[in-house]
């Protein structure tokens, strides 16, 4: 989610269109976004706060309980959905010491269900982003959607006929750690060329800072190089061409397997799509013999998509078969 984690909040007015709400939580490494949906599926309140770091498990649970209660106000919480960076095990427990140390190994679903008397679902944040886009965003026209979130890492989720594709053990596949041929990009996971080391915003920032000779640069370096690329700077344009080709290489592997009807790009690096779209689309067309070449769209929901999808995830359990149908004709 966005790196801007300044609080923006308003609790639900229970006197409005109904007092039952569905809560969605996008639990990010730096920031947490919560939304409340009424019975019509409209967003009636939202809140953005910093995510706690390495705190005890009970403090992590209290953090979420207090934020959900604050957002809900006097309304009745009918369901809660949480999207978090993976891995997430088959029981919905976060296993991510690097990004979410306070929440790793914690039974968030059980704790929140006990606190609010409502069903709780926890899933990978790429899945919740995909659900949000499929129901209310750029993925609406497609019966199957491949979602890429290009942020600190690369999140990947495939939705087919209303449900996410999972491994045989029920766990969400961490496709950001697929190896790309012809590239050298060592990853913390131990592999030599993971997709997320090529296609993430982190990778783009690293390249932009190197081009500007700023070893300890920040996200603003991407914007600087982006502006230069659009102004015709050859070196800046070449940087984005390489970045787009890298995303395409990862997409080609994924589309060979999933053959999705549409691709949606989200995460902070999606906002620079104009600079790398030509190279990405050209590369997809060059070597698509055994792959699909579906439309590629940029997220329409932005930072709201993950939390919105999480709210839908929670509200649709246990029947996940009709998620995509919610967005038809809207």
Foldseek 3Di string as FASTA:
>chain_A
DDLDQDWDWDAADCVPPHQEWFKFWEDWLFKIKIFIADPVLDTRIMIMHTQDAQDALVVNLVVVLVVVCRRSPPGAYAWYFYAYAAFAALLQQHCDCPRHVNRHPHPNQVSNCVSRVHGYHHAHLQQLLVLLCLAPKDNVVFQKEWEWAAAQFIAIWIDHLQHTDDDPNNTRDRQQQDAFPPDAFADPVGDGHGLRSQAHLVVLQCVLCVVVVNNPDDSVSSVVLLVVLVVPDPVSLVSLLSSLLSNLRSVLVVQLPVVTQEYEYAHPCLVSCVSHVVSNLVNCVPPCPSGHRHYYYYIPQHPCSSRSSRSLVTVCPPPRNCSSVNRPPD
